[in-house]
Amino acid sequence: MINPYEEGATPSFFMQNLKFKKLRRIKLLIAKNIFLLHGKKFFINKAKI
């Protein structure tokens, strides 16, 4: 049985997984913000017409 807290495959894999999840969350937030910004512009343009 390998101790997962020792320097080895498990901690680095775990950290990579965390990084990946954080990146995905950030990408989703950015996409959401862009979508909201474009949506607002679209509605403002529609309101002007």
PDB file of N, CA and C in Angstrom:
ATOM      1  N   MET A   1       0.844  -1.200   0.000  1.00  0.00           N
ATOM      2  CA  MET A   1       0.000   0.000   0.000  1.00  0.00           C
ATOM      3  C   MET A   1       0.882   1.253   0.000  1.00  0.00           C
ATOM      4  N   ILE A   2       0.673   2.112  -0.973  1.00  0.00           N
ATOM      5  CA  ILE A   2       1.470   3.342  -1.061  1.00  0.00           C
ATOM      6  C   ILE A   2       0.781   4.437  -0.241  1.00  0.00           C
ATOM      7  N   ASN A   3       1.589   5.150   0.539  1.00  0.00           N
ATOM      8  CA  ASN A   3       1.048   6.259   1.320  1.00  0.00           C
ATOM      9  C   ASN A   3       0.744   7.427   0.374  1.00  0.00           C
ATOM     10  N   PRO A   4      -0.511   7.817   0.235  1.00  0.00           N
ATOM     11  CA  PRO A   4      -0.844   8.881  -0.720  1.00  0.00           C
ATOM     12  C   PRO A   4      -0.286  10.253  -0.351  1.00  0.00           C
ATOM     13  N   TYR A   5       0.103  10.423   0.936  1.00  0.00           N
ATOM     14  CA  TYR A   5       0.625  11.719   1.355  1.00  0.00           C
ATOM     15  C   TYR A   5       2.118  11.869   1.077  1.00  0.00           C
ATOM     16  N   GLU A   6       2.776  10.757   0.705  1.00  0.00           N
ATOM     17  CA  GLU A   6       4.185  10.844   0.326  1.00  0.00           C
ATOM     18  C   GLU A   6       4.290  11.436  -1.077  1.00  0.00           C
ATOM     19  N   GLU A   7       5.461  12.011  -1.359  1.00  0.00           N
ATOM     20  CA  GLU A   7       5.692  12.535  -2.708  1.00  0.00           C
ATOM     21  C   GLU A   7       5.601  11.379  -3.700  1.00  0.00           C
ATOM     22  N   GLY A   8       4.699  11.483  -4.625  1.00  0.00           N
ATOM     23  CA  GLY A   8       4.519  10.410  -5.598  1.00  0.00           C
ATOM     24  C   GLY A   8       3.481  10.794  -6.626  1.00  0.00           C
ATOM     25  N   ALA A   9       2.851   9.788  -7.202  1.00  0.00           N
ATOM     26  CA  ALA A   9       1.896  10.029  -8.280  1.00  0.00           C
ATOM     27  C   ALA A   9       0.599  10.642  -7.758  1.00  0.00           C
ATOM     28  N   THR A  10       0.154  10.199  -6.585  1.00  0.00           N
ATOM     29  CA  THR A  10      -1.167  10.616  -6.114  1.00  0.00           C
ATOM     30  C   THR A  10      -1.271  12.124  -5.860  1.00  0.00           C
ATOM     31  N   PRO A  11      -0.363  12.742  -5.082  1.00  0.00           N
ATOM     32  CA  PRO A  11      -0.526  14.178  -4.825  1.00  0.00           C
ATOM     33  C   PRO A  11      -0.467  15.024  -6.091  1.00  0.00           C
ATOM     34  N   SER A  12       0.465  14.732  -6.986  1.00  0.00           N
ATOM     35  CA  SER A  12       0.592  15.523  -8.209  1.00  0.00           C
ATOM     36  C   SER A  12      -0.650  15.361  -9.075  1.00  0.00           C
ATOM     37  N   PHE A  13      -1.159  14.131  -9.137  1.00  0.00           N
ATOM     38  CA  PHE A  13      -2.380  13.894  -9.909  1.00  0.00           C
ATOM     39  C   PHE A  13      -3.536  14.666  -9.303  1.00  0.00           C
ATOM     40  N   PHE A  14      -3.612  14.646  -7.968  1.00  0.00           N
ATOM     41  CA  PHE A  14      -4.667  15.356  -7.262  1.00  0.00           C
ATOM     42  C   PHE A  14      -4.580  16.858  -7.543  1.00  0.00           C
ATOM     43  N   MET A  15      -3.358  17.400  -7.509  1.00  0.00           N
ATOM     44  CA  MET A  15      -3.159  18.825  -7.772  1.00  0.00           C
ATOM     45  C   MET A  15      -3.540  19.166  -9.207  1.00  0.00           C
ATOM     46  N   GLN A  16      -3.152  18.304 -10.146  1.00  0.00           N
ATOM     47  CA  GLN A  16      -3.515  18.531 -11.551  1.00  0.00           C
ATOM     48  C   GLN A  16      -5.024  18.559 -11.703  1.00  0.00           C
ATOM     49  N   ASN A  17      -5.703  17.640 -11.024  1.00  0.00           N
ATOM     50  CA  ASN A  17      -7.158  17.560 -11.072  1.00  0.00           C
ATOM     51  C   ASN A  17      -7.776  18.851 -10.533  1.00  0.00           C
ATOM     52  N   LEU A  18      -7.235  19.353  -9.410  1.00  0.00           N
ATOM     53  CA  LEU A  18      -7.727  20.605  -8.828  1.00  0.00           C
ATOM     54  C   LEU A  18      -7.518  21.762  -9.795  1.00  0.00           C
ATOM     55  N   LYS A  19      -6.311  21.839 -10.379  1.00  0.00           N
ATOM     56  CA  LYS A  19      -6.003  22.896 -11.345  1.00  0.00           C
ATOM     57  C   LYS A  19      -6.965  22.846 -12.516  1.00  0.00           C
ATOM     58  N   PHE A  20      -7.209  21.627 -13.015  1.00  0.00           N
ATOM     59  CA  PHE A  20      -8.102  21.451 -14.150  1.00  0.00           C
ATOM     60  C   PHE A  20      -9.508  21.932 -13.807  1.00  0.00           C
ATOM     61  N   LYS A  21      -9.977  21.578 -12.602  1.00  0.00           N
ATOM     62  CA  LYS A  21     -11.314  21.994 -12.173  1.00  0.00           C
ATOM     63  C   LYS A  21     -11.390  23.510 -12.042  1.00  0.00           C
ATOM     64  N   LYS A  22     -10.342  24.113 -11.479  1.00  0.00           N
ATOM     65  CA  LYS A  22     -10.304  25.575 -11.337  1.00  0.00           C
ATOM     66  C   LYS A  22     -10.322  26.236 -12.696  1.00  0.00           C
ATOM     67  N   LEU A  23      -9.500  25.731 -13.626  1.00  0.00           N
ATOM     68  CA  LEU A  23      -9.451  26.292 -14.975  1.00  0.00           C
ATOM     69  C   LEU A  23     -10.814  26.213 -15.639  1.00  0.00           C
ATOM     70  N   ARG A  24     -11.470  25.053 -15.486  1.00  0.00           N
ATOM     71  CA  ARG A  24     -12.784  24.878 -16.102  1.00  0.00           C
ATOM     72  C   ARG A  24     -13.782  25.874 -15.519  1.00  0.00           C
ATOM     73  N   ARG A  25     -13.716  26.079 -14.199  1.00  0.00           N
ATOM     74  CA  ARG A  25     -14.626  27.028 -13.549  1.00  0.00           C
ATOM     75  C   ARG A  25     -14.366  28.439 -14.062  1.00  0.00           C
ATOM     76  N   ILE A  26     -13.078  28.806 -14.181  1.00  0.00           N
ATOM     77  CA  ILE A  26     -12.712  30.142 -14.670  1.00  0.00           C
ATOM     78  C   ILE A  26     -13.196  30.325 -16.105  1.00  0.00           C
ATOM     79  N   LYS A  27     -12.982  29.295 -16.951  1.00  0.00           N
ATOM     80  CA  LYS A  27     -13.433  29.366 -18.340  1.00  0.00           C
ATOM     81  C   LYS A  27     -14.942  29.546 -18.415  1.00  0.00           C
ATOM     82  N   LEU A  28     -15.665  28.813 -17.565  1.00  0.00           N
ATOM     83  CA  LEU A  28     -17.127  28.930 -17.544  1.00  0.00           C
ATOM     84  C   LEU A  28     -17.542  30.334 -17.122  1.00  0.00           C
ATOM     85  N   LEU A  29     -16.873  30.884 -16.108  1.00  0.00           N
ATOM     86  CA  LEU A  29     -17.191  32.237 -15.640  1.00  0.00           C
ATOM     87  C   LEU A  29     -16.942  33.261 -16.733  1.00  0.00           C
ATOM     88  N   ILE A  30     -15.803  33.143 -17.426  1.00  0.00           N
ATOM     89  CA  ILE A  30     -15.465  34.065 -18.510  1.00  0.00           C
ATOM     90  C   ILE A  30     -16.509  33.968 -19.620  1.00  0.00           C
ATOM     91  N   ALA A  31     -16.854  32.726 -19.991  1.00  0.00           N
ATOM     92  CA  ALA A  31     -17.857  32.522 -21.037  1.00  0.00           C
ATOM     93  C   ALA A  31     -19.185  33.150 -20.633  1.00  0.00           C
ATOM     94  N   LYS A  32     -19.557  32.972 -19.358  1.00  0.00           N
ATOM     95  CA  LYS A  32     -20.814  33.515 -18.858  1.00  0.00           C
ATOM     96  C   LYS A  32     -20.782  35.043 -18.923  1.00  0.00           C
ATOM     97  N   ASN A  33     -19.671  35.641 -18.499  1.00  0.00           N
ATOM     98  CA  ASN A  33     -19.543  37.104 -18.519  1.00  0.00           C
ATOM     99  C   ASN A  33     -19.625  37.641 -19.941  1.00  0.00           C
ATOM    100  N   ILE A  34     -18.940  36.987 -20.877  1.00  0.00           N
ATOM    101  CA  ILE A  34     -18.975  37.408 -22.279  1.00  0.00           C
ATOM    102  C   ILE A  34     -20.402  37.312 -22.808  1.00  0.00           C
ATOM    103  N   PHE A  35     -21.060  36.199 -22.495  1.00  0.00           N
ATOM    104  CA  PHE A  35     -22.439  35.986 -22.929  1.00  0.00           C
ATOM    105  C   PHE A  35     -23.346  37.085 -22.385  1.00  0.00           C
ATOM    106  N   LEU A  36     -23.175  37.406 -21.084  1.00  0.00           N
ATOM    107  CA  LEU A  36     -23.999  38.446 -20.464  1.00  0.00           C
ATOM    108  C   LEU A  36     -23.731  39.803 -21.108  1.00  0.00           C
ATOM    109  N   LEU A  37     -22.463  40.113 -21.355  1.00  0.00           N
ATOM    110  CA  LEU A  37     -22.117  41.393 -21.983  1.00  0.00           C
ATOM    111  C   LEU A  37     -22.736  41.498 -23.370  1.00  0.00           C
ATOM    112  N   HIS A  38     -22.590  40.445 -24.173  1.00  0.00           N
ATOM    113  CA  HIS A  38     -23.153  40.442 -25.520  1.00  0.00           C
ATOM    114  C   HIS A  38     -24.673  40.510 -25.461  1.00  0.00           C
ATOM    115  N   GLY A  39     -25.249  39.804 -24.508  1.00  0.00           N
ATOM    116  CA  GLY A  39     -26.705  39.820 -24.335  1.00  0.00           C
ATOM    117  C   GLY A  39     -27.201  41.222 -24.025  1.00  0.00           C
ATOM    118  N   LYS A  40     -26.513  41.926 -23.130  1.00  0.00           N
ATOM    119  CA  LYS A  40     -26.900  43.288 -22.768  1.00  0.00           C
ATOM    120  C   LYS A  40     -26.801  44.204 -23.985  1.00  0.00           C
ATOM    121  N   LYS A  41     -25.704  44.113 -24.723  1.00  0.00           N
ATOM    122  CA  LYS A  41     -25.526  44.932 -25.926  1.00  0.00           C
ATOM    123  C   LYS A  41     -26.641  44.651 -26.918  1.00  0.00           C
ATOM    124  N   PHE A  42     -26.950  43.371 -27.082  1.00  0.00           N
ATOM    125  CA  PHE A  42     -27.988  42.956 -28.023  1.00  0.00           C
ATOM    126  C   PHE A  42     -29.329  43.561 -27.629  1.00  0.00           C
ATOM    127  N   PHE A  43     -29.662  43.495 -26.347  1.00  0.00           N
ATOM    128  CA  PHE A  43     -30.946  44.034 -25.885  1.00  0.00           C
ATOM    129  C   PHE A  43     -30.982  45.551 -25.995  1.00  0.00           C
ATOM    130  N   ILE A  44     -29.853  46.203 -25.716  1.00  0.00           N
ATOM    131  CA  ILE A  44     -29.789  47.664 -25.820  1.00  0.00           C
ATOM    132  C   ILE A  44     -29.997  48.072 -27.283  1.00  0.00           C
ATOM    133  N   ASN A  45     -29.334  47.360 -28.188  1.00  0.00           N
ATOM    134  CA  ASN A  45     -29.496  47.651 -29.607  1.00  0.00           C
ATOM    135  C   ASN A  45     -30.936  47.423 -30.062  1.00  0.00           C
ATOM    136  N   LYS A  46     -31.549  46.382 -29.566  1.00  0.00           N
ATOM    137  CA  LYS A  46     -32.942  46.084 -29.916  1.00  0.00           C
ATOM    138  C   LYS A  46     -33.871  47.170 -29.374  1.00  0.00           C
ATOM    139  N   ALA A  47     -33.571  47.638 -28.170  1.00  0.00           N
ATOM    140  CA  ALA A  47     -34.415  48.662 -27.549  1.00  0.00           C
ATOM    141  C   ALA A  47     -34.352  49.980 -28.321  1.00  0.00           C
ATOM    142  N   LYS A  48     -33.180  50.277 -28.893  1.00  0.00           N
ATOM    143  CA  LYS A  48     -33.000  51.517 -29.646  1.00  0.00           C
ATOM    144  C   LYS A  48     -33.846  51.522 -30.914  1.00  0.00           C
ATOM    145  N   ILE A  49     -33.984  50.366 -31.553  1.00  0.00           N
ATOM    146  CA  ILE A  49     -34.674  50.277 -32.846  1.00  0.00           C
ATOM    147  C   ILE A  49     -36.177  50.525 -32.676  1.00  0.00           C
TER     148      ILE A  49
END
